[in-house]
Amino acid sequence: MRRVLAGVATLALVAGACTRPAEVSSGGEVAPQLPANANTVPVGTTLETQLNTSLGTKQNRVGDQFTATVTTPVYAQNGALVVPEGSTVHGVVTGLHASTHVGDQAAIKLSFDTLQINGRTYPFNADVTATELKTQGDTKDQTLQKAGVGAVAGAALGAILGGGSLNKIALGGVLGAAAGTAISLGAGDVQAVLPEGSKLTLRSTQQVALNQQ
């Protein structure tokens, strides 16, 4: 998965592409932090996940819950397995801004609250640092392509939006006060979505003690 190292740059939407690399609005790439042992997921741990359901500006409401499945296992520095593939991250939609006309920027804000490993659930917070949108057949492909119309006026489809970017695309504070990471869903007059199967790269923002239960 490709990451842009600085700022949020506009990407051209390529028709017919199967996946869509996203942009990261960080000051630079941060190397993944490996847990010291199998009992702790430290702040800064990277989890590669995949959405288990589609999330969109019309089909969802603020407060809707969703899950994503860990697709790449996380190992400790000593080689011990910490977060197995198939573990589940639970999240909630904390902000939505629909696009009602060409040039209007759509966005969704996602927050995470729990990590489920081998049937045990732990408090968990994380930021989304990158996305890769997966298309879902001809109809959804067309929706994603149309959602990119006018993206140059705001932010590209799938871009991670920081506070500065939110101000630039004039969302009027709709997403600004809510917790979580804002993701651009492009601009256009169609429903903007993160399809089921889309990849989300998460970076933990709190330490998780796996032996607390």
Protein backbone atom coordinates (compact mmCIF):
# COMPACT_ATOMS: atom_id res chain seq x y z
CA MET A 1 0.00 0.00 0.00
CA ARG A 2 1.44 3.29 -1.11
CA ARG A 3 1.53 6.26 1.28
CA VAL A 4 2.12 9.91 0.56
CA LEU A 5 4.66 11.22 3.04
CA ALA A 6 3.60 14.83 3.50
CA GLY A 7 0.33 16.70 3.26
CA VAL A 8 -2.78 15.67 1.37
CA ALA A 9 -2.27 15.74 -2.39
CA THR A 10 -5.02 15.32 -4.97
CA LEU A 11 -5.12 11.95 -6.70
CA ALA A 12 -6.64 11.36 -10.13
CA LEU A 13 -9.38 8.72 -10.04
CA VAL A 14 -8.56 5.99 -12.56
CA ALA A 15 -11.63 4.40 -14.14
CA GLY A 16 -11.70 0.62 -13.98
CA ALA A 17 -9.03 0.36 -11.26
CA CYS A 18 -9.61 -2.40 -8.74
CA THR A 19 -8.16 -0.58 -5.75
CA ARG A 20 -7.57 3.00 -4.78
CA PRO A 21 -4.44 3.91 -2.78
CA ALA A 22 -5.09 6.70 -0.31
CA GLU A 23 -3.11 9.62 0.98
CA VAL A 24 -1.91 10.25 4.51
CA SER A 25 -1.91 13.77 5.92
CA SER A 26 1.01 13.23 8.27
CA GLY A 27 4.31 14.99 8.61
CA GLY A 28 6.17 11.90 7.48
CA GLU A 29 6.00 8.13 7.45
CA VAL A 30 6.27 6.54 10.89
CA ALA A 31 7.83 3.09 11.09
CA PRO A 32 5.52 0.49 12.64
CA GLN A 33 6.22 -0.10 16.33
CA LEU A 34 6.61 -3.75 17.28
CA PRO A 35 5.22 -4.81 20.65
CA ALA A 36 7.89 -5.75 23.18
CA ASN A 37 5.98 -8.88 24.20
CA ALA A 38 2.74 -10.76 23.60
CA ASN A 39 0.94 -9.09 26.52
CA THR A 40 0.78 -5.54 25.22
CA VAL A 41 -0.26 -3.65 22.10
CA PRO A 42 1.67 -0.36 22.50
CA VAL A 43 0.74 3.06 21.19
CA GLY A 44 1.83 3.32 17.57
CA THR A 45 1.16 -0.31 16.63
CA THR A 46 -0.01 -0.65 13.03
CA LEU A 47 -2.97 -2.91 12.22
CA GLU A 48 -3.91 -3.75 8.64
CA THR A 49 -7.67 -4.28 8.51
CA GLN A 50 -10.53 -4.76 6.05
CA LEU A 51 -14.05 -3.39 6.42
CA ASN A 52 -16.76 -6.00 6.97
CA THR A 53 -19.55 -3.76 5.73
CA SER A 54 -20.06 -0.83 3.41
CA LEU A 55 -20.19 2.63 5.00
CA GLY A 56 -21.80 5.56 3.19
CA THR A 57 -23.12 9.07 3.63
CA LYS A 58 -26.71 8.08 2.79
CA GLN A 59 -26.97 4.57 4.17
CA ASN A 60 -25.41 5.37 7.56
CA ARG A 61 -26.10 7.65 10.51
CA VAL A 62 -23.82 9.05 13.19
CA GLY A 63 -23.61 6.42 15.92
CA ASP A 64 -23.77 3.42 13.58
CA GLN A 65 -21.40 0.65 14.61
CA PHE A 66 -19.19 -1.34 12.24
CA THR A 67 -16.35 -3.86 12.33
CA ALA A 68 -13.11 -4.46 10.47
CA THR A 69 -11.08 -7.66 10.39
CA VAL A 70 -7.32 -7.75 10.96
CA THR A 71 -5.75 -9.12 7.77
CA THR A 72 -2.08 -9.18 8.80
CA PRO A 73 -0.94 -10.69 12.13
CA VAL A 74 1.07 -8.54 14.54
CA TYR A 75 4.12 -10.11 16.19
CA ALA A 76 6.20 -9.00 19.17
CA GLN A 77 9.92 -8.29 18.94
CA ASN A 78 10.64 -11.81 20.20
CA GLY A 79 8.45 -13.36 17.51
CA ALA A 80 5.45 -14.07 19.73
CA LEU A 81 2.03 -13.62 18.15
CA VAL A 82 0.22 -10.60 19.64
CA VAL A 83 -2.74 -9.86 17.35
CA PRO A 84 -3.72 -12.83 15.16
CA GLU A 85 -5.12 -12.51 11.66
CA GLY A 86 -8.91 -12.59 11.93
CA SER A 87 -9.08 -10.47 15.08
CA THR A 88 -11.85 -7.86 14.99
CA VAL A 89 -11.75 -4.11 15.51
CA HIS A 90 -15.05 -2.45 16.47
CA GLY A 91 -15.78 1.13 15.52
CA VAL A 92 -18.48 3.77 15.25
CA VAL A 93 -19.38 6.41 12.67
CA THR A 94 -18.85 9.77 14.43
CA GLY A 95 -19.40 12.16 11.54
CA LEU A 96 -20.99 12.34 8.08
CA HIS A 97 -21.14 14.99 5.41
CA ALA A 98 -23.04 14.11 2.22
CA SER A 99 -22.27 15.45 -1.23
CA THR A 100 -25.42 16.88 -2.82
CA HIS A 101 -23.97 18.36 -6.00
CA VAL A 102 -20.85 18.24 -8.16
CA GLY A 103 -18.02 19.98 -6.34
CA ASP A 104 -19.45 19.39 -2.87
CA GLN A 105 -17.08 17.38 -0.69
CA ALA A 106 -18.39 14.22 1.00
CA ALA A 107 -16.67 12.83 4.06
CA ILE A 108 -17.08 10.28 6.83
CA LYS A 109 -15.47 10.20 10.27
CA LEU A 110 -14.63 6.90 11.97
CA SER A 111 -13.62 6.13 15.55
CA PHE A 112 -12.60 2.82 17.15
CA ASP A 113 -13.38 1.57 20.65
CA THR A 114 -12.65 -2.16 21.07
CA LEU A 115 -10.30 -4.86 19.83
CA GLN A 116 -11.49 -8.47 19.96
CA ILE A 117 -8.83 -11.20 20.06
CA ASN A 118 -9.70 -14.88 20.43
CA GLY A 119 -13.12 -14.01 21.82
CA ARG A 120 -11.81 -11.53 24.41
CA THR A 121 -12.53 -7.81 24.08
CA TYR A 122 -10.22 -4.95 25.06
CA PRO A 123 -10.60 -1.14 25.01
CA PHE A 124 -8.90 0.20 21.89
CA ASN A 125 -8.44 3.54 20.17
CA ALA A 126 -6.77 4.16 16.82
CA ASP A 127 -6.39 6.59 13.96
CA VAL A 128 -6.83 5.65 10.32
CA THR A 129 -3.55 6.43 8.56
CA ALA A 130 -4.41 5.13 5.07
CA THR A 131 -7.24 3.64 3.06
CA GLU A 132 -7.48 1.60 -0.11
CA LEU A 133 -10.97 1.51 -1.55
CA LYS A 134 -12.21 -1.73 -3.06
CA THR A 135 -14.83 -1.64 -5.83
CA GLN A 136 -17.88 -3.92 -5.74
CA GLY A 137 -19.04 -4.71 -9.24
CA ASP A 138 -20.12 -2.53 -12.18
CA THR A 139 -22.73 -0.46 -10.35
CA LYS A 140 -20.52 0.32 -7.40
CA ASP A 141 -17.56 0.91 -9.74
CA GLN A 142 -19.55 3.61 -11.50
CA THR A 143 -20.53 5.13 -8.16
CA LEU A 144 -16.92 5.34 -7.06
CA GLN A 145 -15.88 6.85 -10.38
CA LYS A 146 -18.66 9.46 -10.26
CA ALA A 147 -17.74 10.28 -6.66
CA GLY A 148 -14.36 11.44 -7.92
CA VAL A 149 -15.90 14.10 -10.18
CA GLY A 150 -14.79 17.50 -9.00
CA ALA A 151 -12.36 16.04 -6.50
CA VAL A 152 -9.75 18.61 -7.47
CA ALA A 153 -11.95 21.21 -5.78
CA GLY A 154 -11.70 19.39 -2.46
CA ALA A 155 -9.76 16.27 -1.59
CA ALA A 156 -9.29 13.04 -3.49
CA LEU A 157 -11.41 9.96 -2.91
CA GLY A 158 -10.00 8.05 0.04
CA ALA A 159 -7.72 10.81 1.32
CA ILE A 160 -7.22 11.06 5.08
CA LEU A 161 -8.31 14.55 6.10
CA GLY A 162 -6.57 16.53 8.81
CA GLY A 163 -7.95 19.61 10.52
CA GLY A 164 -6.40 21.92 7.97
CA SER A 165 -7.90 19.99 5.07
CA LEU A 166 -11.31 20.01 6.71
CA ASN A 167 -11.16 23.79 6.90
CA LYS A 168 -10.08 24.07 3.27
CA ILE A 169 -13.01 22.02 1.98
CA ALA A 170 -15.40 24.09 4.12
CA LEU A 171 -17.33 21.37 5.91
CA GLY A 172 -18.62 24.00 8.29
CA GLY A 173 -17.60 22.19 11.47
CA VAL A 174 -19.91 19.24 10.76
CA LEU A 175 -17.07 16.79 11.42
CA GLY A 176 -14.64 18.96 13.33
CA ALA A 177 -15.84 18.37 16.91
CA ALA A 178 -16.32 14.61 16.71
CA ALA A 179 -13.65 12.09 17.68
CA GLY A 180 -12.10 9.91 15.00
CA THR A 181 -10.44 10.14 11.61
CA ALA A 182 -12.12 11.90 8.67
CA ILE A 183 -11.90 10.25 5.25
CA SER A 184 -12.75 11.95 1.97
CA LEU A 185 -15.43 10.19 -0.07
CA GLY A 186 -14.89 12.42 -3.09
CA ALA A 187 -17.20 15.04 -4.57
CA GLY A 188 -20.28 14.58 -6.70
CA ASP A 189 -24.05 14.15 -6.70
CA VAL A 190 -24.06 10.42 -5.88
CA GLN A 191 -23.86 8.45 -2.66
CA ALA A 192 -20.25 8.34 -1.46
CA VAL A 193 -19.16 5.08 0.13
CA LEU A 194 -16.34 3.10 1.66
CA PRO A 195 -17.28 -0.28 0.16
CA GLU A 196 -17.20 -3.57 2.05
CA GLY A 197 -13.69 -4.99 1.75
CA SER A 198 -11.97 -1.60 1.73
CA LYS A 199 -8.61 -1.65 3.49
CA LEU A 200 -7.96 0.55 6.51
CA THR A 201 -4.52 0.92 8.04
CA LEU A 202 -4.89 1.74 11.74
CA ARG A 203 -2.34 3.12 14.20
CA SER A 204 -3.19 2.53 17.86
CA THR A 205 -3.40 5.64 20.05
CA GLN A 206 -3.64 3.87 23.41
CA GLN A 207 -1.77 0.99 24.98
CA VAL A 208 -3.73 -2.25 25.25
CA ALA A 209 -2.88 -4.68 28.04
CA LEU A 210 -3.91 -8.08 26.73
CA ASN A 211 -3.53 -9.81 30.11
CA GLN A 212 -6.00 -7.50 31.88
CA GLN A 213 -8.87 -9.99 31.71
